[in-house]
Every structure is written in structure tokens, then in C-alpha cells.
Amino acid sequence: MRTTLDIPDKVFKKTKLKAVHEGVRLKAVVTRALEREVGGDRARSATEAALEEALAPQLRFLAMNRAQRTKAFLVESKAMARFYAEHPEELLPDFFDDPEHESKAR
């Protein structure tokens, strides 16, 4: 069924960002929200909804073709490299927590 709704800009932007983040159509996010609000045939428990939200990135990755997966892997690898370059203590926490390490470094 098609209809027209007036949705506040702020709510629309949040909804659209959620859809993009999950890799699904806006229609899917809006439908899920409406089903939660008014109930429906596919009413799910909070646990099922949380599980679906947690698995969204993995499902999006599995839906990609080889070229898309390769590109996503490269983007993620570069992001991880930047993070660990800025936070080396996160890479080897035991090494940086070792008191002998500090005495050797000086």
C-alpha cells in the first residue's frame, strides 16, 4: 500500500541514517517501527529485535559481491590502521601495562 506522510526532518534523517547503516531500504526500517508501535502479524520480542540489529552489519557484508567485500575490507583495514596508529596502547595493552616497559623506554 502506498501513502504519503509528513515526517519531521530530524526523525526522517535519523531513520534514513539507520537504513543506510543497516544496508536496508528506508521502507524496511519504517515498516519495522510501525509494526513495533501498533503490533502486527510479525510482532517480535525485544530480544529478536536486538539480535536483528546486532546482526545487520554482518548480513549487509554477506549480501555484498566479491568486489564490494574487498572494498569494504580495505576501508575497514585503513580505519583500523589509523586507530591503532593514534592509540598504540590498544594494540598491545599488556605490553604497555607492564611496569618494566616504562623503565626500559626511559
N, C-alpha and C. Protein backbone atom coordinates (compact mmCIF):
# COMPACT_ATOMS: atom_id res chain seq x y z
N MET A 1 0.84 -1.17 0.00
CA MET A 1 0.00 0.00 0.00
C MET A 1 0.89 1.24 0.00
N ARG A 2 0.51 2.23 -0.73
CA ARG A 2 1.25 3.49 -0.77
C ARG A 2 0.47 4.56 -0.04
N THR A 3 1.21 5.44 0.62
CA THR A 3 0.60 6.56 1.32
C THR A 3 1.63 7.68 1.43
N THR A 4 1.17 8.85 1.80
CA THR A 4 2.06 9.99 2.00
C THR A 4 1.98 10.41 3.45
N LEU A 5 3.16 10.60 4.05
CA LEU A 5 3.21 11.02 5.44
C LEU A 5 4.09 12.25 5.57
N ASP A 6 3.75 13.12 6.49
CA ASP A 6 4.61 14.25 6.82
C ASP A 6 5.41 13.84 8.05
N ILE A 7 6.71 13.69 7.87
CA ILE A 7 7.60 13.26 8.94
C ILE A 7 8.55 14.41 9.25
N PRO A 8 8.74 14.75 10.51
CA PRO A 8 9.69 15.81 10.85
C PRO A 8 11.08 15.50 10.28
N ASP A 9 11.78 16.53 9.83
CA ASP A 9 13.09 16.35 9.20
C ASP A 9 14.05 15.57 10.08
N LYS A 10 14.08 15.89 11.37
CA LYS A 10 15.02 15.24 12.29
C LYS A 10 14.75 13.73 12.36
N VAL A 11 13.49 13.36 12.45
CA VAL A 11 13.11 11.94 12.53
C VAL A 11 13.43 11.25 11.20
N PHE A 12 13.15 11.91 10.10
CA PHE A 12 13.43 11.32 8.79
C PHE A 12 14.92 11.07 8.61
N LYS A 13 15.74 12.04 9.00
CA LYS A 13 17.20 11.89 8.85
C LYS A 13 17.71 10.73 9.69
N LYS A 14 17.24 10.62 10.94
CA LYS A 14 17.66 9.51 11.80
C LYS A 14 17.25 8.17 11.19
N THR A 15 16.03 8.13 10.66
CA THR A 15 15.53 6.89 10.07
C THR A 15 16.32 6.53 8.83
N LYS A 16 16.60 7.49 8.00
CA LYS A 16 17.36 7.25 6.77
C LYS A 16 18.78 6.79 7.11
N LEU A 17 19.42 7.42 8.11
CA LEU A 17 20.76 7.01 8.52
C LEU A 17 20.77 5.58 9.05
N LYS A 18 19.74 5.22 9.80
CA LYS A 18 19.64 3.84 10.32
C LYS A 18 19.52 2.86 9.16
N ALA A 19 18.73 3.20 8.16
CA ALA A 19 18.58 2.32 7.00
C ALA A 19 19.90 2.16 6.26
N VAL A 20 20.61 3.26 6.07
CA VAL A 20 21.90 3.21 5.38
C VAL A 20 22.89 2.38 6.19
N HIS A 21 22.92 2.58 7.51
CA HIS A 21 23.82 1.85 8.38
C HIS A 21 23.55 0.34 8.31
N GLU A 22 22.28 -0.03 8.28
CA GLU A 22 21.90 -1.44 8.23
C GLU A 22 21.99 -2.01 6.82
N GLY A 23 22.08 -1.13 5.83
CA GLY A 23 22.14 -1.61 4.45
C GLY A 23 20.80 -2.11 3.94
N VAL A 24 19.72 -1.51 4.44
CA VAL A 24 18.38 -1.90 4.02
C VAL A 24 17.65 -0.67 3.47
N ARG A 25 16.50 -0.90 2.88
CA ARG A 25 15.70 0.21 2.35
C ARG A 25 15.01 0.94 3.50
N LEU A 26 14.74 2.21 3.26
CA LEU A 26 14.02 3.03 4.24
C LEU A 26 12.69 2.38 4.58
N LYS A 27 12.05 1.80 3.58
CA LYS A 27 10.75 1.14 3.78
C LYS A 27 10.84 0.06 4.86
N ALA A 28 11.93 -0.70 4.89
CA ALA A 28 12.07 -1.77 5.87
C ALA A 28 12.16 -1.21 7.29
N VAL A 29 12.90 -0.13 7.46
CA VAL A 29 13.05 0.47 8.80
C VAL A 29 11.72 1.05 9.26
N VAL A 30 11.03 1.75 8.37
CA VAL A 30 9.73 2.35 8.73
C VAL A 30 8.71 1.25 9.04
N THR A 31 8.70 0.19 8.25
CA THR A 31 7.75 -0.91 8.48
C THR A 31 8.01 -1.56 9.83
N ARG A 32 9.29 -1.81 10.17
CA ARG A 32 9.61 -2.40 11.47
C ARG A 32 9.15 -1.50 12.61
N ALA A 33 9.39 -0.19 12.46
CA ALA A 33 8.99 0.75 13.51
C ALA A 33 7.48 0.76 13.69
N LEU A 34 6.75 0.76 12.58
CA LEU A 34 5.30 0.74 12.67
C LEU A 34 4.79 -0.56 13.28
N GLU A 35 5.40 -1.69 12.91
CA GLU A 35 4.99 -2.97 13.49
C GLU A 35 5.22 -2.99 15.00
N ARG A 36 6.34 -2.41 15.45
CA ARG A 36 6.59 -2.36 16.89
C ARG A 36 5.57 -1.47 17.59
N GLU A 37 5.21 -0.36 16.95
CA GLU A 37 4.31 0.61 17.57
C GLU A 37 2.87 0.11 17.63
N VAL A 38 2.37 -0.43 16.55
CA VAL A 38 0.95 -0.82 16.50
C VAL A 38 0.74 -2.32 16.55
N GLY A 39 1.82 -3.08 16.63
CA GLY A 39 1.70 -4.53 16.63
C GLY A 39 1.51 -5.02 15.21
N GLY A 40 1.26 -6.26 15.06
CA GLY A 40 1.05 -6.80 13.73
C GLY A 40 1.30 -8.28 13.72
N ASP A 41 1.20 -8.85 12.54
CA ASP A 41 1.38 -10.28 12.39
C ASP A 41 2.80 -10.72 12.74
N ARG A 42 3.74 -9.84 12.50
CA ARG A 42 5.14 -10.20 12.72
C ARG A 42 5.68 -9.56 14.00
N ALA A 43 4.87 -9.43 15.01
CA ALA A 43 5.34 -8.84 16.26
C ALA A 43 6.48 -9.70 16.82
N ARG A 44 7.58 -9.04 17.17
CA ARG A 44 8.75 -9.76 17.65
C ARG A 44 9.09 -9.32 19.07
N SER A 45 9.80 -10.16 19.75
CA SER A 45 10.22 -9.79 21.10
C SER A 45 11.37 -8.80 21.02
N ALA A 46 11.65 -8.16 22.13
CA ALA A 46 12.76 -7.21 22.19
C ALA A 46 14.09 -7.92 21.91
N THR A 47 14.19 -9.17 22.34
CA THR A 47 15.41 -9.95 22.11
C THR A 47 15.63 -10.18 20.63
N GLU A 48 14.58 -10.54 19.92
CA GLU A 48 14.69 -10.76 18.48
C GLU A 48 15.07 -9.47 17.75
N ALA A 49 14.49 -8.35 18.17
CA ALA A 49 14.80 -7.07 17.54
C ALA A 49 16.26 -6.69 17.80
N ALA A 50 16.73 -6.91 19.03
CA ALA A 50 18.12 -6.60 19.37
C ALA A 50 19.08 -7.49 18.58
N LEU A 51 18.73 -8.75 18.43
CA LEU A 51 19.56 -9.67 17.66
C LEU A 51 19.63 -9.25 16.20
N GLU A 52 18.50 -8.89 15.63
CA GLU A 52 18.47 -8.44 14.24
C GLU A 52 19.32 -7.19 14.05
N GLU A 53 19.23 -6.27 14.99
CA GLU A 53 20.02 -5.03 14.90
C GLU A 53 21.51 -5.34 15.02
N ALA A 54 21.87 -6.27 15.90
CA ALA A 54 23.28 -6.62 16.09
C ALA A 54 23.85 -7.32 14.86
N LEU A 55 23.03 -8.09 14.17
CA LEU A 55 23.50 -8.85 13.00
C LEU A 55 23.45 -8.05 11.70
N ALA A 56 22.87 -6.87 11.72
CA ALA A 56 22.70 -6.09 10.49
C ALA A 56 24.01 -5.88 9.73
N PRO A 57 25.11 -5.48 10.38
CA PRO A 57 26.35 -5.29 9.62
C PRO A 57 26.85 -6.57 8.97
N GLN A 58 26.74 -7.71 9.68
CA GLN A 58 27.18 -8.98 9.10
C GLN A 58 26.31 -9.38 7.91
N LEU A 59 25.01 -9.18 8.04
CA LEU A 59 24.11 -9.53 6.94
C LEU A 59 24.37 -8.65 5.73
N ARG A 60 24.66 -7.36 5.98
CA ARG A 60 24.98 -6.46 4.89
C ARG A 60 26.25 -6.92 4.19
N PHE A 61 27.25 -7.37 4.97
CA PHE A 61 28.50 -7.86 4.39
C PHE A 61 28.26 -9.10 3.55
N LEU A 62 27.43 -10.01 4.03
CA LEU A 62 27.16 -11.24 3.29
C LEU A 62 26.41 -10.98 2.00
N ALA A 63 25.66 -9.90 1.94
CA ALA A 63 24.90 -9.57 0.74
C ALA A 63 25.77 -8.93 -0.34
N MET A 64 27.01 -8.61 0.00
CA MET A 64 27.89 -7.94 -0.97
C MET A 64 28.50 -8.96 -1.93
N ASN A 65 28.86 -8.48 -3.12
CA ASN A 65 29.61 -9.33 -4.03
C ASN A 65 31.10 -9.23 -3.68
N ARG A 66 31.95 -9.98 -4.39
CA ARG A 66 33.37 -10.04 -4.05
C ARG A 66 34.05 -8.67 -4.10
N ALA A 67 33.76 -7.88 -5.13
CA ALA A 67 34.39 -6.55 -5.26
C ALA A 67 33.97 -5.64 -4.11
N GLN A 68 32.70 -5.68 -3.75
CA GLN A 68 32.20 -4.85 -2.65
C GLN A 68 32.82 -5.27 -1.32
N ARG A 69 32.97 -6.59 -1.13
CA ARG A 69 33.59 -7.09 0.11
C ARG A 69 35.05 -6.64 0.19
N THR A 70 35.75 -6.72 -0.94
CA THR A 70 37.15 -6.31 -0.96
C THR A 70 37.28 -4.84 -0.61
N LYS A 71 36.43 -4.02 -1.19
CA LYS A 71 36.47 -2.59 -0.91
C LYS A 71 36.15 -2.32 0.56
N ALA A 72 35.13 -2.99 1.09
CA ALA A 72 34.75 -2.81 2.50
C ALA A 72 35.90 -3.24 3.41
N PHE A 73 36.57 -4.34 3.06
CA PHE A 73 37.69 -4.82 3.86
C PHE A 73 38.82 -3.80 3.86
N LEU A 74 39.12 -3.22 2.70
CA LEU A 74 40.19 -2.23 2.62
C LEU A 74 39.86 -0.98 3.43
N VAL A 75 38.62 -0.53 3.34
CA VAL A 75 38.19 0.65 4.11
C VAL A 75 38.31 0.37 5.60
N GLU A 76 37.85 -0.80 6.03
CA GLU A 76 37.92 -1.16 7.45
C GLU A 76 39.37 -1.31 7.91
N SER A 77 40.21 -1.89 7.06
CA SER A 77 41.62 -2.06 7.41
C SER A 77 42.31 -0.71 7.58
N LYS A 78 42.02 0.24 6.70
CA LYS A 78 42.61 1.57 6.82
C LYS A 78 42.13 2.27 8.08
N ALA A 79 40.84 2.11 8.41
CA ALA A 79 40.30 2.72 9.63
C ALA A 79 40.97 2.12 10.87
N MET A 80 41.19 0.81 10.86
CA MET A 80 41.85 0.16 12.00
C MET A 80 43.30 0.62 12.11
N ALA A 81 43.97 0.75 10.97
CA ALA A 81 45.37 1.20 10.99
C ALA A 81 45.47 2.61 11.57
N ARG A 82 44.53 3.50 11.18
CA ARG A 82 44.53 4.86 11.72
C ARG A 82 44.29 4.84 13.23
N PHE A 83 43.33 4.01 13.66
CA PHE A 83 43.02 3.94 15.09
C PHE A 83 44.23 3.48 15.89
N TYR A 84 44.86 2.40 15.45
CA TYR A 84 45.99 1.86 16.21
C TYR A 84 47.22 2.75 16.11
N ALA A 85 47.35 3.53 15.06
CA ALA A 85 48.45 4.50 14.98
C ALA A 85 48.25 5.60 16.02
N GLU A 86 46.99 5.98 16.26
CA GLU A 86 46.68 7.02 17.24
C GLU A 86 46.64 6.47 18.67
N HIS A 87 46.36 5.17 18.83
CA HIS A 87 46.22 4.55 20.15
C HIS A 87 47.03 3.26 20.22
N PRO A 88 48.37 3.34 20.23
CA PRO A 88 49.18 2.11 20.23
C PRO A 88 48.97 1.26 21.48
N GLU A 89 48.56 1.87 22.58
CA GLU A 89 48.33 1.10 23.81
C GLU A 89 47.18 0.11 23.65
N GLU A 90 46.28 0.35 22.70
CA GLU A 90 45.17 -0.57 22.46
C GLU A 90 45.62 -1.81 21.70
N LEU A 91 46.71 -1.69 20.97
CA LEU A 91 47.21 -2.81 20.18
C LEU A 91 47.88 -3.85 21.06
N LEU A 92 48.69 -3.41 21.99
CA LEU A 92 49.41 -4.31 22.90
C LEU A 92 49.20 -3.86 24.35
N PRO A 93 47.99 -4.00 24.88
CA PRO A 93 47.70 -3.45 26.21
C PRO A 93 48.58 -4.06 27.30
N ASP A 94 48.88 -5.36 27.24
CA ASP A 94 49.70 -5.99 28.27
C ASP A 94 51.12 -5.41 28.26
N PHE A 95 51.64 -5.16 27.09
CA PHE A 95 52.98 -4.62 26.95
C PHE A 95 53.06 -3.22 27.56
N PHE A 96 52.04 -2.39 27.31
CA PHE A 96 52.05 -1.03 27.83
C PHE A 96 51.72 -0.97 29.31
N ASP A 97 51.03 -2.00 29.84
CA ASP A 97 50.72 -2.03 31.26
C ASP A 97 51.88 -2.55 32.10
N ASP A 98 52.85 -3.17 31.47
CA ASP A 98 53.99 -3.76 32.16
C ASP A 98 54.89 -2.66 32.72
N PRO A 99 55.13 -2.64 34.06
CA PRO A 99 55.96 -1.58 34.64
C PRO A 99 57.40 -1.62 34.12
N GLU A 100 57.90 -2.81 33.76
CA GLU A 100 59.26 -2.91 33.23
C GLU A 100 59.38 -2.20 31.89
N HIS A 101 58.28 -2.17 31.13
CA HIS A 101 58.30 -1.50 29.82
C HIS A 101 58.67 -0.02 29.98
N GLU A 102 58.07 0.61 30.99
CA GLU A 102 58.34 2.05 31.18
C GLU A 102 59.78 2.30 31.56
N SER A 103 60.36 1.43 32.38
CA SER A 103 61.76 1.65 32.77
C SER A 103 62.69 1.41 31.60
N LYS A 104 62.37 0.48 30.72
CA LYS A 104 63.19 0.23 29.55
C LYS A 104 63.10 1.36 28.54
N ALA A 105 61.91 1.98 28.47
CA ALA A 105 61.69 3.03 27.48
C ALA A 105 62.45 4.30 27.83
N ARG A 106 62.75 4.51 29.09
CA ARG A 106 63.41 5.75 29.52
C ARG A 106 64.89 5.69 29.45
